Amino acid sequence: MTAAYIQSQTEFDALLETEPVLIVDCTATWCGPCKLIAPLIDQLAQEYGDRARVLKLDLDTNQPIAKRFSIRSIPAVMLFKQGELVETLVGVKPYEEFSTAVAKYLA
């Protein structure tokens, strides 16, 4: 199972309204470090897919979202609970760090 891409700001806003826990990996095709964490994000989608939505967002095609959440460097993984941004993990991190962050918002 791989994390799907959010296609538009409209879709993103709809997800914020409907998903209790939403994990968004801000990425770009030219970003080397983003490629390193891509398999980890897919692993998150597999492990937590029944309890949280795990998705990717290409910032090249979704600049307004990057501006809205002040994303200045990628990879950046944003965690939302009930539509509120609760945590942002920036940079390459071990899988445990991502999974621990997700798990704490599922409680």
PDB file of N, CA and C in Angstrom:
ATOM      1  N   MET A   1       0.852  -1.203   0.000  1.00  0.00           N
ATOM      2  CA  MET A   1       0.000   0.000   0.000  1.00  0.00           C
ATOM      3  C   MET A   1       0.879   1.242   0.000  1.00  0.00           C
ATOM      4  N   THR A   2       0.619   2.129  -0.933  1.00  0.00           N
ATOM      5  CA  THR A   2       1.398   3.360  -0.963  1.00  0.00           C
ATOM      6  C   THR A   2       0.488   4.533  -0.655  1.00  0.00           C
ATOM      7  N   ALA A   3       1.073   5.569  -0.099  1.00  0.00           N
ATOM      8  CA  ALA A   3       0.307   6.768   0.222  1.00  0.00           C
ATOM      9  C   ALA A   3      -0.013   7.499  -1.076  1.00  0.00           C
ATOM     10  N   ALA A   4      -1.275   7.835  -1.261  1.00  0.00           N
ATOM     11  CA  ALA A   4      -1.702   8.537  -2.474  1.00  0.00           C
ATOM     12  C   ALA A   4      -1.351  10.024  -2.371  1.00  0.00           C
ATOM     13  N   TYR A   5      -1.394  10.684  -3.517  1.00  0.00           N
ATOM     14  CA  TYR A   5      -1.148  12.134  -3.543  1.00  0.00           C
ATOM     15  C   TYR A   5      -2.453  12.902  -3.448  1.00  0.00           C
ATOM     16  N   ILE A   6      -2.426  13.991  -2.681  1.00  0.00           N
ATOM     17  CA  ILE A   6      -3.555  14.923  -2.638  1.00  0.00           C
ATOM     18  C   ILE A   6      -3.441  15.749  -3.919  1.00  0.00           C
ATOM     19  N   GLN A   7      -4.534  15.864  -4.638  1.00  0.00           N
ATOM     20  CA  GLN A   7      -4.475  16.500  -5.961  1.00  0.00           C
ATOM     21  C   GLN A   7      -4.687  18.017  -5.955  1.00  0.00           C
ATOM     22  N   SER A   8      -5.381  18.535  -4.947  1.00  0.00           N
ATOM     23  CA  SER A   8      -5.709  19.962  -4.991  1.00  0.00           C
ATOM     24  C   SER A   8      -5.955  20.504  -3.589  1.00  0.00           C
ATOM     25  N   GLN A   9      -6.002  21.827  -3.515  1.00  0.00           N
ATOM     26  CA  GLN A   9      -6.286  22.487  -2.248  1.00  0.00           C
ATOM     27  C   GLN A   9      -7.715  22.162  -1.799  1.00  0.00           C
ATOM     28  N   THR A  10      -8.623  22.027  -2.742  1.00  0.00           N
ATOM     29  CA  THR A  10     -10.016  21.681  -2.431  1.00  0.00           C
ATOM     30  C   THR A  10     -10.082  20.316  -1.757  1.00  0.00           C
ATOM     31  N   GLU A  11      -9.357  19.355  -2.331  1.00  0.00           N
ATOM     32  CA  GLU A  11      -9.329  18.012  -1.751  1.00  0.00           C
ATOM     33  C   GLU A  11      -8.697  18.049  -0.356  1.00  0.00           C
ATOM     34  N   PHE A  12      -7.607  18.813  -0.227  1.00  0.00           N
ATOM     35  CA  PHE A  12      -6.909  18.949   1.051  1.00  0.00           C
ATOM     36  C   PHE A  12      -7.862  19.501   2.120  1.00  0.00           C
ATOM     37  N   ASP A  13      -8.586  20.566   1.784  1.00  0.00           N
ATOM     38  CA  ASP A  13      -9.512  21.172   2.747  1.00  0.00           C
ATOM     39  C   ASP A  13     -10.637  20.216   3.131  1.00  0.00           C
ATOM     40  N   ALA A  14     -11.109  19.437   2.163  1.00  0.00           N
ATOM     41  CA  ALA A  14     -12.164  18.455   2.440  1.00  0.00           C
ATOM     42  C   ALA A  14     -11.647  17.387   3.400  1.00  0.00           C
ATOM     43  N   LEU A  15     -10.404  16.960   3.195  1.00  0.00           N
ATOM     44  CA  LEU A  15      -9.798  15.956   4.081  1.00  0.00           C
ATOM     45  C   LEU A  15      -9.666  16.497   5.499  1.00  0.00           C
ATOM     46  N   LEU A  16      -9.254  17.765   5.616  1.00  0.00           N
ATOM     47  CA  LEU A  16      -9.124  18.380   6.945  1.00  0.00           C
ATOM     48  C   LEU A  16     -10.456  18.360   7.683  1.00  0.00           C
ATOM     49  N   GLU A  17     -11.527  18.561   6.950  1.00  0.00           N
ATOM     50  CA  GLU A  17     -12.849  18.599   7.577  1.00  0.00           C
ATOM     51  C   GLU A  17     -13.370  17.220   7.956  1.00  0.00           C
ATOM     52  N   THR A  18     -12.949  16.181   7.205  1.00  0.00           N
ATOM     53  CA  THR A  18     -13.563  14.870   7.411  1.00  0.00           C
ATOM     54  C   THR A  18     -12.697  13.851   8.132  1.00  0.00           C
ATOM     55  N   GLU A  19     -11.380  13.999   8.078  1.00  0.00           N
ATOM     56  CA  GLU A  19     -10.500  12.981   8.663  1.00  0.00           C
ATOM     57  C   GLU A  19     -10.125  13.329  10.102  1.00  0.00           C
ATOM     58  N   PRO A  20     -10.393  12.421  11.060  1.00  0.00           N
ATOM     59  CA  PRO A  20     -10.014  12.697  12.458  1.00  0.00           C
ATOM     60  C   PRO A  20      -8.501  12.846  12.608  1.00  0.00           C
ATOM     61  N   VAL A  21      -7.736  11.975  11.926  1.00  0.00           N
ATOM     62  CA  VAL A  21      -6.273  12.071  11.964  1.00  0.00           C
ATOM     63  C   VAL A  21      -5.769  12.001  10.521  1.00  0.00           C
ATOM     64  N   LEU A  22      -5.020  13.039  10.142  1.00  0.00           N
ATOM     65  CA  LEU A  22      -4.518  13.146   8.777  1.00  0.00           C
ATOM     66  C   LEU A  22      -3.013  13.399   8.825  1.00  0.00           C
ATOM     67  N   ILE A  23      -2.261  12.592   8.089  1.00  0.00           N
ATOM     68  CA  ILE A  23      -0.804  12.750   8.024  1.00  0.00           C
ATOM     69  C   ILE A  23      -0.473  13.119   6.590  1.00  0.00           C
ATOM     70  N   VAL A  24       0.223  14.249   6.425  1.00  0.00           N
ATOM     71  CA  VAL A  24       0.531  14.740   5.078  1.00  0.00           C
ATOM     72  C   VAL A  24       2.036  14.921   4.932  1.00  0.00           C
ATOM     73  N   ASP A  25       2.609  14.171   3.989  1.00  0.00           N
ATOM     74  CA  ASP A  25       4.033  14.267   3.670  1.00  0.00           C
ATOM     75  C   ASP A  25       4.203  15.294   2.563  1.00  0.00           C
ATOM     76  N   CYS A  26       4.803  16.449   2.907  1.00  0.00           N
ATOM     77  CA  CYS A  26       5.059  17.490   1.918  1.00  0.00           C
ATOM     78  C   CYS A  26       6.348  17.136   1.185  1.00  0.00           C
ATOM     79  N   THR A  27       6.242  16.986  -0.120  1.00  0.00           N
ATOM     80  CA  THR A  27       7.350  16.457  -0.901  1.00  0.00           C
ATOM     81  C   THR A  27       7.459  17.182  -2.244  1.00  0.00           C
ATOM     82  N   ALA A  28       8.486  16.851  -3.017  1.00  0.00           N
ATOM     83  CA  ALA A  28       8.643  17.376  -4.370  1.00  0.00           C
ATOM     84  C   ALA A  28       9.506  16.395  -5.146  1.00  0.00           C
ATOM     85  N   THR A  29       9.283  16.312  -6.447  1.00  0.00           N
ATOM     86  CA  THR A  29       9.988  15.321  -7.262  1.00  0.00           C
ATOM     87  C   THR A  29      11.502  15.529  -7.260  1.00  0.00           C
ATOM     88  N   TRP A  30      11.956  16.801  -7.125  1.00  0.00           N
ATOM     89  CA  TRP A  30      13.384  17.108  -7.186  1.00  0.00           C
ATOM     90  C   TRP A  30      14.093  16.962  -5.832  1.00  0.00           C
ATOM     91  N   CYS A  31      13.337  16.649  -4.784  1.00  0.00           N
ATOM     92  CA  CYS A  31      13.889  16.635  -3.421  1.00  0.00           C
ATOM     93  C   CYS A  31      14.476  15.264  -3.074  1.00  0.00           C
ATOM     94  N   GLY A  32      15.803  15.190  -2.974  1.00  0.00           N
ATOM     95  CA  GLY A  32      16.491  13.938  -2.636  1.00  0.00           C
ATOM     96  C   GLY A  32      16.065  13.342  -1.304  1.00  0.00           C
ATOM     97  N   PRO A  33      16.146  14.127  -0.212  1.00  0.00           N
ATOM     98  CA  PRO A  33      15.747  13.608   1.104  1.00  0.00           C
ATOM     99  C   PRO A  33      14.297  13.113   1.131  1.00  0.00           C
ATOM    100  N   CYS A  34      13.426  13.726   0.310  1.00  0.00           N
ATOM    101  CA  CYS A  34      12.024  13.294   0.254  1.00  0.00           C
ATOM    102  C   CYS A  34      11.937  11.858  -0.246  1.00  0.00           C
ATOM    103  N   LYS A  35      12.815  11.518  -1.186  1.00  0.00           N
ATOM    104  CA  LYS A  35      12.826  10.153  -1.735  1.00  0.00           C
ATOM    105  C   LYS A  35      13.237   9.152  -0.657  1.00  0.00           C
ATOM    106  N   LEU A  36      14.090   9.596   0.270  1.00  0.00           N
ATOM    107  CA  LEU A  36      14.545   8.714   1.353  1.00  0.00           C
ATOM    108  C   LEU A  36      13.412   8.357   2.302  1.00  0.00           C
ATOM    109  N   ILE A  37      12.530   9.321   2.578  1.00  0.00           N
ATOM    110  CA  ILE A  37      11.453   9.012   3.532  1.00  0.00           C
ATOM    111  C   ILE A  37      10.190   8.466   2.853  1.00  0.00           C
ATOM    112  N   ALA A  38      10.117   8.534   1.522  1.00  0.00           N
ATOM    113  CA  ALA A  38       8.921   8.039   0.812  1.00  0.00           C
ATOM    114  C   ALA A  38       8.524   6.618   1.223  1.00  0.00           C
ATOM    115  N   PRO A  39       9.495   5.656   1.295  1.00  0.00           N
ATOM    116  CA  PRO A  39       9.095   4.301   1.719  1.00  0.00           C
ATOM    117  C   PRO A  39       8.576   4.270   3.158  1.00  0.00           C
ATOM    118  N   LEU A  40       9.075   5.170   4.006  1.00  0.00           N
ATOM    119  CA  LEU A  40       8.628   5.224   5.406  1.00  0.00           C
ATOM    120  C   LEU A  40       7.182   5.713   5.475  1.00  0.00           C
ATOM    121  N   ILE A  41       6.857   6.675   4.606  1.00  0.00           N
ATOM    122  CA  ILE A  41       5.489   7.207   4.576  1.00  0.00           C
ATOM    123  C   ILE A  41       4.538   6.123   4.076  1.00  0.00           C
ATOM    124  N   ASP A  42       4.981   5.356   3.082  1.00  0.00           N
ATOM    125  CA  ASP A  42       4.161   4.240   2.595  1.00  0.00           C
ATOM    126  C   ASP A  42       3.964   3.201   3.698  1.00  0.00           C
ATOM    127  N   GLN A  43       5.016   2.992   4.497  1.00  0.00           N
ATOM    128  CA  GLN A  43       4.931   2.049   5.618  1.00  0.00           C
ATOM    129  C   GLN A  43       3.923   2.553   6.658  1.00  0.00           C
ATOM    130  N   LEU A  44       3.930   3.863   6.905  1.00  0.00           N
ATOM    131  CA  LEU A  44       2.952   4.466   7.825  1.00  0.00           C
ATOM    132  C   LEU A  44       1.538   4.218   7.301  1.00  0.00           C
ATOM    133  N   ALA A  45       1.354   4.422   5.999  1.00  0.00           N
ATOM    134  CA  ALA A  45       0.041   4.235   5.378  1.00  0.00           C
ATOM    135  C   ALA A  45      -0.428   2.793   5.576  1.00  0.00           C
ATOM    136  N   GLN A  46       0.520   1.864   5.473  1.00  0.00           N
ATOM    137  CA  GLN A  46       0.194   0.456   5.638  1.00  0.00           C
ATOM    138  C   GLN A  46      -0.155   0.135   7.090  1.00  0.00           C
ATOM    139  N   GLU A  47       0.670   0.651   8.008  1.00  0.00           N
ATOM    140  CA  GLU A  47       0.492   0.316   9.421  1.00  0.00           C
ATOM    141  C   GLU A  47      -0.722   1.004  10.051  1.00  0.00           C
ATOM    142  N   TYR A  48      -0.952   2.266   9.666  1.00  0.00           N
ATOM    143  CA  TYR A  48      -2.013   3.046  10.327  1.00  0.00           C
ATOM    144  C   TYR A  48      -3.200   3.356   9.422  1.00  0.00           C
ATOM    145  N   GLY A  49      -3.195   2.799   8.205  1.00  0.00           N
ATOM    146  CA  GLY A  49      -4.231   3.112   7.224  1.00  0.00           C
ATOM    147  C   GLY A  49      -5.657   2.913   7.677  1.00  0.00           C
ATOM    148  N   ASP A  50      -5.866   2.004   8.629  1.00  0.00           N
ATOM    149  CA  ASP A  50      -7.230   1.768   9.124  1.00  0.00           C
ATOM    150  C   ASP A  50      -7.653   2.800  10.168  1.00  0.00           C
ATOM    151  N   ARG A  51      -6.677   3.573  10.694  1.00  0.00           N
ATOM    152  CA  ARG A  51      -7.002   4.530  11.762  1.00  0.00           C
ATOM    153  C   ARG A  51      -6.673   5.975  11.414  1.00  0.00           C
ATOM    154  N   ALA A  52      -5.882   6.175  10.368  1.00  0.00           N
ATOM    155  CA  ALA A  52      -5.497   7.533   9.980  1.00  0.00           C
ATOM    156  C   ALA A  52      -5.309   7.577   8.465  1.00  0.00           C
ATOM    157  N   ARG A  53      -5.525   8.745   7.863  1.00  0.00           N
ATOM    158  CA  ARG A  53      -5.264   8.901   6.436  1.00  0.00           C
ATOM    159  C   ARG A  53      -3.833   9.392   6.289  1.00  0.00           C
ATOM    160  N   VAL A  54      -3.041   8.668   5.511  1.00  0.00           N
ATOM    161  CA  VAL A  54      -1.643   9.046   5.271  1.00  0.00           C
ATOM    162  C   VAL A  54      -1.531   9.374   3.787  1.00  0.00           C
ATOM    163  N   LEU A  55      -1.186  10.633   3.486  1.00  0.00           N
ATOM    164  CA  LEU A  55      -1.151  11.091   2.099  1.00  0.00           C
ATOM    165  C   LEU A  55       0.097  11.915   1.827  1.00  0.00           C
ATOM    166  N   LYS A  56       0.393  12.088   0.534  1.00  0.00           N
ATOM    167  CA  LYS A  56       1.524  12.906   0.122  1.00  0.00           C
ATOM    168  C   LYS A  56       0.992  14.140  -0.593  1.00  0.00           C
ATOM    169  N   LEU A  57       1.784  15.194  -0.545  1.00  0.00           N
ATOM    170  CA  LEU A  57       1.397  16.451  -1.169  1.00  0.00           C
ATOM    171  C   LEU A  57       2.601  17.000  -1.920  1.00  0.00           C
ATOM    172  N   ASP A  58       2.476  17.138  -3.239  1.00  0.00           N
ATOM    173  CA  ASP A  58       3.555  17.703  -4.052  1.00  0.00           C
ATOM    174  C   ASP A  58       3.485  19.226  -3.931  1.00  0.00           C
ATOM    175  N   LEU A  59       4.501  19.817  -3.303  1.00  0.00           N
ATOM    176  CA  LEU A  59       4.453  21.249  -3.047  1.00  0.00           C
ATOM    177  C   LEU A  59       4.640  22.082  -4.303  1.00  0.00           C
ATOM    178  N   ASP A  60       5.248  21.508  -5.342  1.00  0.00           N
ATOM    179  CA  ASP A  60       5.399  22.260  -6.592  1.00  0.00           C
ATOM    180  C   ASP A  60       4.039  22.577  -7.205  1.00  0.00           C
ATOM    181  N   THR A  61       3.085  21.671  -7.024  1.00  0.00           N
ATOM    182  CA  THR A  61       1.762  21.898  -7.607  1.00  0.00           C
ATOM    183  C   THR A  61       0.766  22.433  -6.579  1.00  0.00           C
ATOM    184  N   ASN A  62       1.194  22.573  -5.332  1.00  0.00           N
ATOM    185  CA  ASN A  62       0.304  23.067  -4.271  1.00  0.00           C
ATOM    186  C   ASN A  62       0.970  24.138  -3.406  1.00  0.00           C
ATOM    187  N   GLN A  63       1.550  25.135  -4.068  1.00  0.00           N
ATOM    188  CA  GLN A  63       2.238  26.224  -3.366  1.00  0.00           C
ATOM    189  C   GLN A  63       1.395  26.905  -2.275  1.00  0.00           C
ATOM    190  N   PRO A  64       0.110  27.175  -2.528  1.00  0.00           N
ATOM    191  CA  PRO A  64      -0.684  27.874  -1.501  1.00  0.00           C
ATOM    192  C   PRO A  64      -0.734  27.124  -0.168  1.00  0.00           C
ATOM    193  N   ILE A  65      -0.768  25.792  -0.240  1.00  0.00           N
ATOM    194  CA  ILE A  65      -0.807  25.007   1.004  1.00  0.00           C
ATOM    195  C   ILE A  65       0.520  25.153   1.748  1.00  0.00           C
ATOM    196  N   ALA A  66       1.623  25.137   1.014  1.00  0.00           N
ATOM    197  CA  ALA A  66       2.938  25.315   1.631  1.00  0.00           C
ATOM    198  C   ALA A  66       3.010  26.669   2.343  1.00  0.00           C
ATOM    199  N   LYS A  67       2.515  27.692   1.684  1.00  0.00           N
ATOM    200  CA  LYS A  67       2.519  29.031   2.285  1.00  0.00           C
ATOM    201  C   LYS A  67       1.635  29.081   3.518  1.00  0.00           C
ATOM    202  N   ARG A  68       0.451  28.475   3.398  1.00  0.00           N
ATOM    203  CA  ARG A  68      -0.522  28.495   4.490  1.00  0.00           C
ATOM    204  C   ARG A  68       0.044  27.896   5.773  1.00  0.00           C
ATOM    205  N   PHE A  69       0.859  26.850   5.641  1.00  0.00           N
ATOM    206  CA  PHE A  69       1.401  26.187   6.825  1.00  0.00           C
ATOM    207  C   PHE A  69       2.888  26.492   7.037  1.00  0.00           C
ATOM    208  N   SER A  70       3.384  27.524   6.354  1.00  0.00           N
ATOM    209  CA  SER A  70       4.777  27.978   6.500  1.00  0.00           C
ATOM    210  C   SER A  70       5.786  26.845   6.328  1.00  0.00           C
ATOM    211  N   ILE A  71       5.583  26.017   5.304  1.00  0.00           N
ATOM    212  CA  ILE A  71       6.537  24.944   5.022  1.00  0.00           C
ATOM    213  C   ILE A  71       7.687  25.557   4.236  1.00  0.00           C
ATOM    214  N   ARG A  72       8.862  25.628   4.861  1.00  0.00           N
ATOM    215  CA  ARG A  72      10.016  26.246   4.212  1.00  0.00           C
ATOM    216  C   ARG A  72      11.048  25.231   3.772  1.00  0.00           C
ATOM    217  N   SER A  73      11.060  24.077   4.413  1.00  0.00           N
ATOM    218  CA  SER A  73      12.003  23.052   3.965  1.00  0.00           C
ATOM    219  C   SER A  73      11.310  21.702   3.977  1.00  0.00           C
ATOM    220  N   ILE A  74      11.698  20.874   3.026  1.00  0.00           N
ATOM    221  CA  ILE A  74      11.092  19.553   2.903  1.00  0.00           C
ATOM    222  C   ILE A  74      12.186  18.501   2.927  1.00  0.00           C
ATOM    223  N   PRO A  75      11.905  17.260   3.280  1.00  0.00           N
ATOM    224  CA  PRO A  75      10.569  16.762   3.591  1.00  0.00           C
ATOM    225  C   PRO A  75      10.018  17.312   4.905  1.00  0.00           C
ATOM    226  N   ALA A  76       8.713  17.555   4.906  1.00  0.00           N
ATOM    227  CA  ALA A  76       8.025  17.979   6.122  1.00  0.00           C
ATOM    228  C   ALA A  76       6.749  17.150   6.221  1.00  0.00           C
ATOM    229  N   VAL A  77       6.578  16.488   7.347  1.00  0.00           N
ATOM    230  CA  VAL A  77       5.394  15.661   7.548  1.00  0.00           C
ATOM    231  C   VAL A  77       4.498  16.365   8.566  1.00  0.00           C
ATOM    232  N   MET A  78       3.305  16.770   8.088  1.00  0.00           N
ATOM    233  CA  MET A  78       2.364  17.479   8.955  1.00  0.00           C
ATOM    234  C   MET A  78       1.343  16.497   9.511  1.00  0.00           C
ATOM    235  N   LEU A  79       1.073  16.623  10.804  1.00  0.00           N
ATOM    236  CA  LEU A  79       0.069  15.785  11.445  1.00  0.00           C
ATOM    237  C   LEU A  79      -1.094  16.667  11.882  1.00  0.00           C
ATOM    238  N   PHE A  80      -2.282  16.286  11.445  1.00  0.00           N
ATOM    239  CA  PHE A  80      -3.499  17.023  11.786  1.00  0.00           C
ATOM    240  C   PHE A  80      -4.419  16.147  12.605  1.00  0.00           C
ATOM    241  N   LYS A  81      -5.008  16.755  13.636  1.00  0.00           N
ATOM    242  CA  LYS A  81      -6.029  16.046  14.409  1.00  0.00           C
ATOM    243  C   LYS A  81      -7.267  16.939  14.425  1.00  0.00           C
ATOM    244  N   GLN A  82      -8.396  16.370  13.990  1.00  0.00           N
ATOM    245  CA  GLN A  82      -9.654  17.132  13.884  1.00  0.00           C
ATOM    246  C   GLN A  82      -9.457  18.436  13.106  1.00  0.00           C
ATOM    247  N   GLY A  83      -8.642  18.394  12.045  1.00  0.00           N
ATOM    248  CA  GLY A  83      -8.461  19.568  11.194  1.00  0.00           C
ATOM    249  C   GLY A  83      -7.438  20.574  11.679  1.00  0.00           C
ATOM    250  N   GLU A  84      -6.868  20.342  12.868  1.00  0.00           N
ATOM    251  CA  GLU A  84      -5.863  21.269  13.420  1.00  0.00           C
ATOM    252  C   GLU A  84      -4.475  20.696  13.228  1.00  0.00           C
ATOM    253  N   LEU A  85      -3.530  21.546  12.820  1.00  0.00           N
ATOM    254  CA  LEU A  85      -2.138  21.111  12.704  1.00  0.00           C
ATOM    255  C   LEU A  85      -1.579  20.948  14.117  1.00  0.00           C
ATOM    256  N   VAL A  86      -1.191  19.717  14.485  1.00  0.00           N
ATOM    257  CA  VAL A  86      -0.716  19.466  15.847  1.00  0.00           C
ATOM    258  C   VAL A  86       0.792  19.254  15.909  1.00  0.00           C
ATOM    259  N   GLU A  87       1.398  18.880  14.780  1.00  0.00           N
ATOM    260  CA  GLU A  87       2.845  18.645  14.800  1.00  0.00           C
ATOM    261  C   GLU A  87       3.375  18.625  13.367  1.00  0.00           C
ATOM    262  N   THR A  88       4.608  19.099  13.201  1.00  0.00           N
ATOM    263  CA  THR A  88       5.285  19.008  11.900  1.00  0.00           C
ATOM    264  C   THR A  88       6.677  18.445  12.132  1.00  0.00           C
ATOM    265  N   LEU A  89       6.995  17.357  11.438  1.00  0.00           N
ATOM    266  CA  LEU A  89       8.327  16.748  11.538  1.00  0.00           C
ATOM    267  C   LEU A  89       9.081  17.114  10.264  1.00  0.00           C
ATOM    268  N   VAL A  90      10.195  17.840  10.416  1.00  0.00           N
ATOM    269  CA  VAL A  90      10.951  18.290   9.245  1.00  0.00           C
ATOM    270  C   VAL A  90      12.249  17.511   9.124  1.00  0.00           C
ATOM    271  N   GLY A  91      12.543  17.076   7.900  1.00  0.00           N
ATOM    272  CA  GLY A  91      13.801  16.384   7.642  1.00  0.00           C
ATOM    273  C   GLY A  91      13.660  14.877   7.642  1.00  0.00           C
ATOM    274  N   VAL A  92      14.785  14.229   7.347  1.00  0.00           N
ATOM    275  CA  VAL A  92      14.806  12.762   7.308  1.00  0.00           C
ATOM    276  C   VAL A  92      14.902  12.243   8.735  1.00  0.00           C
ATOM    277  N   LYS A  93      13.976  11.369   9.094  1.00  0.00           N
ATOM    278  CA  LYS A  93      13.950  10.815  10.452  1.00  0.00           C
ATOM    279  C   LYS A  93      13.743   9.306  10.361  1.00  0.00           C
ATOM    280  N   PRO A  94      14.115   8.588  11.425  1.00  0.00           N
ATOM    281  CA  PRO A  94      13.864   7.143  11.411  1.00  0.00           C
ATOM    282  C   PRO A  94      12.361   6.868  11.493  1.00  0.00           C
ATOM    283  N   TYR A  95      11.959   5.710  10.995  1.00  0.00           N
ATOM    284  CA  TYR A  95      10.540   5.341  10.968  1.00  0.00           C
ATOM    285  C   TYR A  95       9.885   5.462  12.345  1.00  0.00           C
ATOM    286  N   GLU A  96      10.621   5.053  13.380  1.00  0.00           N
ATOM    287  CA  GLU A  96      10.077   5.069  14.749  1.00  0.00           C
ATOM    288  C   GLU A  96       9.595   6.463  15.131  1.00  0.00           C
ATOM    289  N   GLU A  97      10.329   7.480  14.683  1.00  0.00           N
ATOM    290  CA  GLU A  97       9.956   8.841  15.061  1.00  0.00           C
ATOM    291  C   GLU A  97       8.616   9.234  14.433  1.00  0.00           C
ATOM    292  N   PHE A  98       8.414   8.831  13.174  1.00  0.00           N
ATOM    293  CA  PHE A  98       7.139   9.103  12.511  1.00  0.00           C
ATOM    294  C   PHE A  98       6.013   8.306  13.157  1.00  0.00           C
ATOM    295  N   SER A  99       6.257   7.008  13.392  1.00  0.00           N
ATOM    296  CA  SER A  99       5.183   6.149  13.922  1.00  0.00           C
ATOM    297  C   SER A  99       4.811   6.561  15.345  1.00  0.00           C
ATOM    298  N   THR A 100       5.782   6.963  16.154  1.00  0.00           N
ATOM    299  CA  THR A 100       5.504   7.414  17.521  1.00  0.00           C
ATOM    300  C   THR A 100       4.630   8.664  17.489  1.00  0.00           C
ATOM    301  N   ALA A 101       4.946   9.584  16.589  1.00  0.00           N
ATOM    302  CA  ALA A 101       4.173  10.822  16.461  1.00  0.00           C
ATOM    303  C   ALA A 101       2.741  10.510  16.061  1.00  0.00           C
ATOM    304  N   VAL A 102       2.562   9.633  15.086  1.00  0.00           N
ATOM    305  CA  VAL A 102       1.208   9.267  14.634  1.00  0.00           C
ATOM    306  C   VAL A 102       0.437   8.596  15.765  1.00  0.00           C
ATOM    307  N   ALA A 103       1.091   7.629  16.430  1.00  0.00           N
ATOM    308  CA  ALA A 103       0.416   6.857  17.477  1.00  0.00           C
ATOM    309  C   ALA A 103      -0.122   7.745  18.586  1.00  0.00           C
ATOM    310  N   LYS A 104       0.601   8.821  18.921  1.00  0.00           N
ATOM    311  CA  LYS A 104       0.151   9.624  20.049  1.00  0.00           C
ATOM    312  C   LYS A 104      -1.125  10.402  19.747  1.00  0.00           C
ATOM    313  N   TYR A 105      -1.418  10.640  18.461  1.00  0.00           N
ATOM    314  CA  TYR A 105      -2.655  11.355  18.124  1.00  0.00           C
ATOM    315  C   TYR A 105      -3.824  10.415  17.866  1.00  0.00           C
ATOM    316  N   LEU A 106      -3.548   9.121  17.879  1.00  0.00           N
ATOM    317  CA  LEU A 106      -4.616   8.142  17.699  1.00  0.00           C
ATOM    318  C   LEU A 106      -5.239   7.751  19.031  1.00  0.00           C
ATOM    319  N   ALA A 107      -4.544   8.066  20.096  1.00  0.00           N
ATOM    320  CA  ALA A 107      -5.022   7.680  21.441  1.00  0.00           C
ATOM    321  C   ALA A 107      -6.317   8.392  21.797  1.00  0.00           C
TER     322      ALA A 107
END
